[in-house]
Amino acid sequence: MSEKIVLVTGGTGLVGQAIKHIIDTEPEGSRFGKQPGEKWIFAGSAEGDLKDITQTRALFEKYKPTQVIHLAAIVGGLFKNMKYKLTFLRDNFLINDNVLHVSYEFKVKKVISCLSTCVFPDKVEYPLDENKIHSGPPHDSNFGYAHAKRMVDVQNHAYKEEFGCNFTSAIPTNVFGPHDNFDLEDSHVIPGLIHKCYLAKKNNTPFVVAGTGKPLRQFIYSYDLAKLFIWMLKEYDDVEPVILSVGEDEEVSIKDLADSIVKAVGFKGQYNFDTSRADGQFRKPASNKKLLNLIGGFEFTPFNEALDQTVKWFVDNYDKARIGQVKSS
């Protein structure tokens, strides 16, 4: 039997490290475990700049992957997305174009790329489903990143039609968990609020949450998402994307999220909302019906349990977590 080599780009990030955790801890040969004769490579940006096609080819030449889970991306929170629209568009398009084309050149048997629910139109009938990706422009706050990610779906179809490539994509909702980016200036909502609350507790200062607290989001724990990526790699061979998410009935408001973080961190101080700050989209619920029909049922980690585990990981690993530049009080 020929060796199966799975290359995970962006392998040192949130989802990459979650996949590594599942591969390292699930029983070999189980549904979400490593298969006999299978080798997994988790490549980070230090191994090559995927915006450069020469460095991308060198990475593939080094590992000679037979399968690729493509997670590498230039990402940021709401405010960074609003500020650097062209950078996010151009850099992500270069990364995706290089990874897909080099995968084609190296005759990779399967590629799963990671998209985002921000690819969906701003004005759309909810819940979101896999058929609505291209039915209108994305929200203005992140149109650069969103269009770059949308193009992956277009490219997957083009590579399949012209060359028969088995390229597909996954669309997770908001991901969180250990190894997230907790940088206060450049993080998504959960890691940013965890870090902010941790510092408020440490420095005995108020915990202030940007916005009204009213927007609703679906959050998926990174370890659950990792299992779903492994399932897709083994069992899903269609070019059409799959939304990887908890059910649309499991939306959490930012207010409830902040309350849960306050409890998990053990913060007892002053806590309020800065309503002068932007909220972003109010809600963008996504349907996971296609996923559940295909996988035949899946048990998601309860939100508060996953949040507690994430907070514990952050506190235990504060010195080595991605926290950015933190001003001392």
Protein backbone atom coordinates (compact mmCIF):
# COMPACT_ATOMS: atom_id res chain seq x y z
CA MET A 1 0.00 0.00 0.00
CA SER A 2 1.43 3.38 -0.99
CA GLU A 3 2.11 5.82 1.86
CA LYS A 4 -0.49 8.48 2.52
CA ILE A 5 1.07 11.83 3.42
CA VAL A 6 -1.30 14.53 4.66
CA LEU A 7 0.11 18.07 4.56
CA VAL A 8 -1.71 20.61 6.72
CA THR A 9 -0.89 24.20 5.71
CA GLY A 10 -1.36 26.68 8.53
CA GLY A 11 -0.60 23.67 10.70
CA THR A 12 0.67 25.65 13.69
CA GLY A 13 -2.54 27.71 14.02
CA LEU A 14 -5.80 27.16 15.85
CA VAL A 15 -7.37 24.53 13.58
CA GLY A 16 -4.06 22.93 12.57
CA GLN A 17 -3.11 22.32 16.20
CA ALA A 18 -6.60 20.99 16.91
CA ILE A 19 -6.26 18.47 14.07
CA LYS A 20 -2.83 17.49 15.45
CA HIS A 21 -4.40 16.98 18.89
CA ILE A 22 -7.11 14.70 17.49
CA ILE A 23 -4.64 12.74 15.32
CA ASP A 24 -2.39 12.28 18.37
CA THR A 25 -5.17 11.26 20.79
CA GLU A 26 -7.85 9.35 18.85
CA PRO A 27 -7.31 5.57 18.53
CA GLU A 28 -5.50 4.62 15.32
CA GLY A 29 -7.88 3.36 12.68
CA SER A 30 -10.96 4.90 14.34
CA ARG A 31 -13.30 7.20 12.44
CA PHE A 32 -11.40 10.35 13.44
CA GLY A 33 -8.04 8.73 14.13
CA LYS A 34 -4.86 8.35 12.13
CA GLN A 35 -4.94 5.48 9.64
CA PRO A 36 -2.22 2.80 9.44
CA GLY A 37 0.61 3.93 7.14
CA GLU A 38 -0.53 7.54 7.28
CA LYS A 39 1.90 10.40 7.91
CA TRP A 40 0.73 13.87 8.99
CA ILE A 41 2.79 17.05 8.43
CA PHE A 42 1.76 20.29 10.17
CA ALA A 43 3.55 23.10 8.33
CA GLY A 44 3.59 26.67 9.63
CA SER A 45 4.60 29.93 7.95
CA ALA A 46 8.22 29.43 9.11
CA GLU A 47 8.51 26.63 6.53
CA GLY A 48 7.74 28.87 3.60
CA ASP A 49 5.80 31.90 2.39
CA LEU A 50 2.82 30.50 0.51
CA LYS A 51 2.32 33.86 -1.22
CA ASP A 52 5.46 32.88 -3.18
CA ILE A 53 4.98 30.07 -5.69
CA THR A 54 8.65 29.03 -5.56
CA GLN A 55 8.50 28.57 -1.79
CA THR A 56 5.17 26.76 -2.12
CA ARG A 57 6.69 24.32 -4.63
CA ALA A 58 9.68 23.80 -2.32
CA LEU A 59 7.35 22.85 0.56
CA PHE A 60 5.52 20.31 -1.62
CA GLU A 61 8.84 18.97 -2.96
CA LYS A 62 10.05 18.49 0.62
CA TYR A 63 7.02 16.52 1.84
CA LYS A 64 5.45 15.15 -1.37
CA PRO A 65 1.92 15.15 0.04
CA THR A 66 -0.80 12.88 -1.29
CA GLN A 67 -3.53 14.87 0.52
CA VAL A 68 -3.67 18.50 1.65
CA ILE A 69 -5.79 20.25 4.27
CA HIS A 70 -5.31 23.90 3.38
CA LEU A 71 -5.79 26.14 6.42
CA ALA A 72 -3.14 28.81 5.83
CA ALA A 73 -4.58 32.32 5.54
CA ILE A 74 -3.99 35.94 6.43
CA VAL A 75 -6.68 36.52 9.06
CA GLY A 76 -7.80 39.07 11.61
CA GLY A 77 -10.75 40.29 13.61
CA LEU A 78 -13.50 42.67 12.51
CA PHE A 79 -11.49 45.88 12.80
CA LYS A 80 -8.43 44.54 10.96
CA ASN A 81 -10.69 43.19 8.20
CA MET A 82 -12.19 46.67 7.79
CA LYS A 83 -8.80 48.39 7.67
CA TYR A 84 -6.82 46.08 5.34
CA LYS A 85 -9.32 45.01 2.68
CA LEU A 86 -6.87 45.00 -0.24
CA THR A 87 -4.13 43.25 1.75
CA PHE A 88 -6.54 40.53 2.86
CA LEU A 89 -7.87 40.13 -0.70
CA ARG A 90 -4.48 39.99 -2.41
CA ASP A 91 -2.50 37.98 0.12
CA ASN A 92 -5.17 35.33 0.55
CA PHE A 93 -5.75 35.04 -3.18
CA LEU A 94 -2.01 34.46 -3.74
CA ILE A 95 -1.85 31.83 -0.99
CA ASN A 96 -4.90 29.95 -2.26
CA ASP A 97 -3.90 30.15 -5.92
CA ASN A 98 -0.41 28.84 -5.18
CA VAL A 99 -1.55 25.97 -2.94
CA LEU A 100 -4.22 24.80 -5.39
CA HIS A 101 -2.01 25.07 -8.47
CA VAL A 102 0.97 23.38 -6.85
CA SER A 103 -1.36 20.64 -5.58
CA TYR A 104 -2.43 20.13 -9.20
CA GLU A 105 1.20 20.12 -10.38
CA PHE A 106 2.18 17.53 -7.75
CA LYS A 107 -0.88 15.37 -8.53
CA VAL A 108 -2.21 15.61 -4.98
CA LYS A 109 -5.17 13.22 -4.70
CA LYS A 110 -7.33 15.47 -2.52
CA VAL A 111 -7.35 19.05 -1.21
CA ILE A 112 -9.76 20.44 1.39
CA SER A 113 -9.56 24.22 1.75
CA CYS A 114 -10.94 26.13 4.71
CA LEU A 115 -13.37 28.93 3.89
CA SER A 116 -15.44 31.06 6.28
CA THR A 117 -19.09 32.05 6.69
CA CYS A 118 -18.06 35.59 5.72
CA VAL A 119 -18.08 34.36 2.08
CA PHE A 120 -21.87 34.49 2.17
CA PRO A 121 -23.85 37.49 0.91
CA ASP A 122 -24.69 40.28 3.33
CA LYS A 123 -28.31 40.45 2.14
CA VAL A 124 -29.47 36.85 2.14
CA GLU A 125 -32.32 34.71 3.43
CA TYR A 126 -31.31 32.81 6.58
CA PRO A 127 -30.25 30.24 7.43
CA LEU A 128 -27.16 30.20 5.25
CA ASP A 129 -26.64 27.02 3.26
CA GLU A 130 -24.12 25.78 0.73
CA ASN A 131 -26.17 26.99 -2.27
CA LYS A 132 -26.10 30.69 -1.32
CA ILE A 133 -22.36 31.49 -1.49
CA HIS A 134 -22.45 33.43 -4.74
CA SER A 135 -25.95 34.92 -4.61
CA GLY A 136 -24.90 38.48 -3.69
CA PRO A 137 -21.98 40.60 -2.41
CA PRO A 138 -20.50 39.87 1.04
CA HIS A 139 -20.71 42.28 3.98
CA ASP A 140 -18.67 45.44 3.34
CA SER A 141 -16.70 45.03 6.57
CA ASN A 142 -14.71 42.07 5.23
CA PHE A 143 -15.26 42.00 1.48
CA GLY A 144 -11.53 41.64 0.69
CA TYR A 145 -11.08 38.48 2.74
CA ALA A 146 -14.53 37.18 1.74
CA HIS A 147 -13.94 37.50 -2.01
CA ALA A 148 -10.52 35.81 -1.76
CA LYS A 149 -12.14 32.88 0.06
CA ARG A 150 -15.08 32.74 -2.37
CA MET A 151 -12.65 32.33 -5.24
CA VAL A 152 -11.44 29.04 -3.74
CA ASP A 153 -14.87 27.56 -4.47
CA VAL A 154 -14.71 28.90 -8.03
CA GLN A 155 -11.20 27.49 -8.49
CA ASN A 156 -12.18 24.09 -7.04
CA HIS A 157 -14.92 23.77 -9.65
CA ALA A 158 -12.60 24.92 -12.43
CA TYR A 159 -9.84 22.47 -11.47
CA LYS A 160 -12.37 19.65 -11.30
CA GLU A 161 -13.94 20.49 -14.66
CA GLU A 162 -10.67 21.05 -16.53
CA PHE A 163 -8.36 18.53 -14.85
CA GLY A 164 -10.58 16.23 -12.76
CA CYS A 165 -8.98 17.34 -9.47
CA ASN A 166 -10.58 16.24 -6.20
CA PHE A 167 -10.56 19.71 -4.62
CA THR A 168 -13.28 20.76 -2.17
CA SER A 169 -13.80 23.14 0.74
CA ALA A 170 -15.21 23.38 4.26
CA ILE A 171 -17.05 26.40 5.66
CA PRO A 172 -16.72 26.55 9.46
CA THR A 173 -18.64 29.02 11.57
CA ASN A 174 -16.73 30.95 14.28
CA VAL A 175 -13.95 28.68 15.57
CA PHE A 176 -12.36 28.87 19.02
CA GLY A 177 -10.17 26.73 21.25
CA PRO A 178 -6.61 26.13 22.49
CA HIS A 179 -3.80 27.65 20.38
CA ASP A 180 -6.06 30.48 19.17
CA ASN A 181 -4.70 33.96 18.47
CA PHE A 182 -5.34 35.92 21.68
CA ASP A 183 -3.74 39.17 20.45
CA LEU A 184 -5.95 42.01 21.69
CA GLU A 185 -5.49 44.01 18.48
CA ASP A 186 -5.85 41.15 16.02
CA SER A 187 -8.12 38.41 17.32
CA HIS A 188 -11.62 37.11 16.86
CA VAL A 189 -14.25 37.71 19.50
CA ILE A 190 -13.78 34.75 21.89
CA PRO A 191 -9.97 34.81 22.26
CA GLY A 192 -9.98 38.61 22.36
CA LEU A 193 -12.55 38.72 25.17
CA ILE A 194 -10.84 35.92 27.12
CA HIS A 195 -7.54 37.82 27.05
CA LYS A 196 -9.22 41.13 27.89
CA CYS A 197 -11.08 39.61 30.84
CA TYR A 198 -7.92 37.86 32.06
CA LEU A 199 -6.04 41.19 32.08
CA ALA A 200 -8.94 42.99 33.79
CA LYS A 201 -8.84 40.40 36.56
CA LYS A 202 -5.04 40.53 36.81
CA ASN A 203 -4.88 44.36 36.87
CA ASN A 204 -8.12 44.97 38.79
CA THR A 205 -9.49 47.13 35.96
CA PRO A 206 -12.94 47.19 34.27
CA PHE A 207 -13.77 44.56 31.63
CA VAL A 208 -15.18 46.50 28.67
CA VAL A 209 -16.78 44.68 25.71
CA ALA A 210 -16.98 46.49 22.35
CA GLY A 211 -20.51 46.91 20.96
CA THR A 212 -23.97 46.30 22.35
CA GLY A 213 -23.64 42.59 23.11
CA LYS A 214 -26.74 41.87 21.01
CA PRO A 215 -25.24 40.17 17.90
CA LEU A 216 -25.64 36.40 17.66
CA ARG A 217 -23.01 33.90 16.50
CA GLN A 218 -22.59 30.15 16.05
CA PHE A 219 -19.35 28.97 17.62
CA ILE A 220 -17.63 25.65 16.95
CA TYR A 221 -14.97 24.20 19.23
CA SER A 222 -11.70 23.62 17.36
CA TYR A 223 -11.44 19.98 18.50
CA ASP A 224 -14.91 19.27 17.07
CA LEU A 225 -13.98 21.04 13.84
CA ALA A 226 -10.78 18.99 13.64
CA LYS A 227 -12.79 15.77 13.69
CA LEU A 228 -15.01 17.10 10.90
CA PHE A 229 -11.99 17.95 8.73
CA ILE A 230 -10.64 14.42 9.27
CA TRP A 231 -14.05 13.01 8.36
CA MET A 232 -14.11 15.08 5.15
CA LEU A 233 -10.63 13.90 4.24
CA LYS A 234 -11.64 10.25 4.61
CA GLU A 235 -15.27 10.18 3.53
CA TYR A 236 -16.27 13.23 1.45
CA ASP A 237 -15.35 13.44 -2.23
CA ASP A 238 -17.64 16.06 -3.76
CA VAL A 239 -16.46 19.47 -5.04
CA GLU A 240 -19.39 21.27 -3.37
CA PRO A 241 -18.50 22.81 0.01
CA VAL A 242 -19.89 21.67 3.36
CA ILE A 243 -20.78 23.99 6.24
CA LEU A 244 -19.14 22.68 9.43
CA SER A 245 -21.15 24.06 12.32
CA VAL A 246 -23.34 23.47 15.32
CA GLY A 247 -27.06 23.83 14.64
CA GLU A 248 -28.63 27.20 13.89
CA ASP A 249 -30.61 26.86 17.13
CA GLU A 250 -27.33 27.08 19.08
CA GLU A 251 -26.54 30.75 18.39
CA VAL A 252 -24.95 32.58 21.33
CA SER A 253 -25.26 36.34 21.89
CA ILE A 254 -22.08 38.33 22.54
CA LYS A 255 -23.63 39.30 25.89
CA ASP A 256 -24.10 35.63 26.87
CA LEU A 257 -20.59 34.87 25.61
CA ALA A 258 -19.11 37.68 27.73
CA ASP A 259 -21.10 36.49 30.77
CA SER A 260 -19.71 32.97 30.30
CA ILE A 261 -16.15 34.29 29.96
CA VAL A 262 -16.53 36.37 33.14
CA LYS A 263 -17.62 33.19 34.95
CA ALA A 264 -14.89 30.97 33.43
CA VAL A 265 -12.12 33.49 34.19
CA GLY A 266 -13.48 34.12 37.70
CA PHE A 267 -13.68 37.90 37.14
CA LYS A 268 -15.46 39.82 39.93
CA GLY A 269 -14.83 43.42 38.86
CA GLN A 270 -16.72 46.08 36.87
CA TYR A 271 -18.02 44.84 33.52
CA ASN A 272 -19.84 46.82 30.79
CA PHE A 273 -20.39 47.34 27.07
CA ASP A 274 -19.02 50.20 24.94
CA THR A 275 -22.02 50.85 22.70
CA SER A 276 -20.09 53.42 20.64
CA ARG A 277 -18.14 50.56 19.02
CA ALA A 278 -19.32 48.72 15.89
CA ASP A 279 -21.21 45.44 16.21
CA GLY A 280 -20.59 44.01 12.73
CA GLN A 281 -23.33 41.81 11.27
CA PHE A 282 -26.17 41.18 13.70
CA ARG A 283 -26.44 37.47 12.91
CA LYS A 284 -25.59 35.04 10.14
CA PRO A 285 -27.01 31.64 11.15
CA ALA A 286 -25.86 28.70 9.05
CA SER A 287 -27.57 25.35 8.52
CA ASN A 288 -25.63 22.16 9.31
CA LYS A 289 -28.30 19.89 7.76
CA LYS A 290 -26.06 18.82 4.87
CA LEU A 291 -23.25 17.93 7.29
CA LEU A 292 -25.48 15.89 9.62
CA ASN A 293 -27.11 14.07 6.69
CA LEU A 294 -23.70 13.11 5.34
CA ILE A 295 -21.92 12.22 8.57
CA GLY A 296 -24.90 10.45 10.11
CA GLY A 297 -24.93 12.36 13.39
CA PHE A 298 -22.16 14.02 15.38
CA GLU A 299 -21.84 14.92 19.04
CA PHE A 300 -20.63 18.49 19.52
CA THR A 301 -18.90 19.55 22.73
CA PRO A 302 -21.31 21.69 24.81
CA PHE A 303 -20.41 25.38 24.40
CA ASN A 304 -19.69 26.21 28.04
CA GLU A 305 -17.58 23.07 28.45
CA ALA A 306 -15.52 23.99 25.38
CA LEU A 307 -15.20 27.60 26.59
CA ASP A 308 -14.02 26.46 30.04
CA GLN A 309 -11.38 24.22 28.40
CA THR A 310 -10.23 27.11 26.21
CA VAL A 311 -9.94 29.52 29.15
CA LYS A 312 -8.04 26.91 31.17
CA TRP A 313 -5.63 26.32 28.27
CA PHE A 314 -5.07 30.08 27.90
CA VAL A 315 -4.39 30.64 31.61
CA ASP A 316 -2.11 27.58 31.82
CA ASN A 317 -0.20 28.56 28.66
CA TYR A 318 -0.23 32.35 28.92
CA ASP A 319 3.56 32.64 28.57
CA LYS A 320 3.60 30.81 25.23
CA ALA A 321 0.17 31.75 23.85
CA ARG A 322 -0.17 34.19 20.93
CA ILE A 323 -0.98 37.33 22.92
CA GLY A 324 0.71 40.12 20.91
CA GLN A 325 2.07 43.21 22.62
CA VAL A 326 0.39 43.73 25.99
CA LYS A 327 0.88 47.06 27.72
CA SER A 328 1.66 46.65 31.39
CA SER A 329 -0.59 48.60 33.73
